[in-house]
């Protein structure tokens, strides 16, 4: 680990101490966990920020709900797109 020093407003320090006390951890560990949560959240959101990932997630949700598309879609794509 790398030691670092930061300046925090009194209110943030108070909240960090409360979290640390409730979870029976040090303030440093509370800070590390909060940073990790935020970084993982950003990483997850970054992966879903493109249209392909979004469409894939919609398809997975539809599949879980029991929806399915036509079995011959690849063969008759023009028919389904243009009628």
Protein backbone atom coordinates (compact mmCIF):
# COMPACT_ATOMS: atom_id res chain seq x y z
CA UNK A 1 0.00 0.00 0.00
CA UNK A 2 1.01 3.57 -0.57
CA UNK A 3 0.63 6.05 2.25
CA UNK A 4 -1.07 9.31 1.36
CA UNK A 5 -2.51 12.33 3.11
CA UNK A 6 -5.74 14.16 2.27
CA UNK A 7 -7.65 17.07 3.73
CA UNK A 8 -11.32 16.47 4.48
CA UNK A 9 -14.07 18.79 5.63
CA UNK A 10 -15.20 18.12 9.20
CA UNK A 11 -18.59 16.80 8.03
CA UNK A 12 -16.98 14.19 5.74
CA UNK A 13 -14.68 13.04 8.54
CA UNK A 14 -17.64 12.75 10.90
CA UNK A 15 -19.52 10.59 8.39
CA UNK A 16 -16.45 8.43 7.72
CA UNK A 17 -16.01 7.83 11.46
CA UNK A 18 -19.66 6.82 11.74
CA UNK A 19 -19.31 4.34 8.87
CA UNK A 20 -16.10 2.95 10.34
CA UNK A 21 -17.67 2.54 13.77
CA UNK A 22 -20.82 0.85 12.42
CA UNK A 23 -18.81 -1.58 10.28
CA UNK A 24 -16.09 -2.09 12.92
CA UNK A 25 -13.30 -1.03 10.54
CA UNK A 26 -10.75 1.76 10.45
CA UNK A 27 -11.46 5.08 8.79
CA UNK A 28 -8.74 4.23 6.25
CA UNK A 29 -10.51 0.99 5.35
CA UNK A 30 -13.83 2.85 5.01
CA UNK A 31 -12.18 5.29 2.60
CA UNK A 32 -10.64 2.44 0.58
CA UNK A 33 -14.00 0.67 0.33
CA UNK A 34 -15.82 3.82 -0.75
CA UNK A 35 -13.19 4.51 -3.39
CA UNK A 36 -13.42 0.92 -4.66
CA UNK A 37 -17.23 1.10 -4.85
CA UNK A 38 -17.02 4.28 -6.90
CA UNK A 39 -14.32 2.96 -9.22
CA UNK A 40 -16.17 -0.32 -9.81
CA UNK A 41 -19.39 1.58 -10.46
CA UNK A 42 -17.67 3.76 -13.06
CA UNK A 43 -16.08 0.69 -14.64
CA UNK A 44 -19.47 -1.06 -14.89
CA UNK A 45 -21.13 2.01 -16.37
CA UNK A 46 -18.30 2.47 -18.87
CA UNK A 47 -18.84 -1.01 -20.24
CA UNK A 48 -22.54 -0.37 -20.84
CA UNK A 49 -22.10 3.01 -22.48
CA UNK A 50 -22.29 1.72 -26.03
CA UNK A 51 -25.33 0.83 -28.12
CA UNK A 52 -24.29 -2.80 -28.68
CA UNK A 53 -23.98 -3.52 -24.96
CA UNK A 54 -27.30 -1.80 -24.31
CA UNK A 55 -29.08 -3.84 -27.01
CA UNK A 56 -27.50 -7.03 -25.70
CA UNK A 57 -28.71 -6.25 -22.16
CA UNK A 58 -32.24 -5.67 -23.51
CA UNK A 59 -32.13 -9.01 -25.35
CA UNK A 60 -31.03 -10.80 -22.16
CA UNK A 61 -33.88 -9.18 -20.19
CA UNK A 62 -36.41 -10.16 -22.87
CA UNK A 63 -35.11 -13.71 -22.87
CA UNK A 64 -35.50 -13.93 -19.08
CA UNK A 65 -39.11 -12.76 -19.47
CA UNK A 66 -39.79 -15.49 -22.03
CA UNK A 67 -39.77 -13.43 -25.21
CA UNK A 68 -38.12 -14.77 -28.34
CA UNK A 69 -37.69 -13.61 -31.89
CA UNK A 70 -38.57 -15.37 -35.14
CA UNK A 71 -36.54 -18.51 -35.81
CA UNK A 72 -35.98 -17.58 -39.47
CA UNK A 73 -34.84 -13.99 -38.91
CA UNK A 74 -31.40 -14.49 -40.50
CA UNK A 75 -32.92 -16.00 -43.64
CA UNK A 76 -35.80 -13.55 -44.02
CA UNK A 77 -34.32 -10.34 -42.69
CA UNK A 78 -35.64 -8.21 -45.59
CA UNK A 79 -39.15 -9.59 -45.05
CA UNK A 80 -39.10 -8.54 -41.38
CA UNK A 81 -37.48 -5.16 -42.02
CA UNK A 82 -39.37 -4.04 -45.10
CA UNK A 83 -42.51 -6.12 -45.09
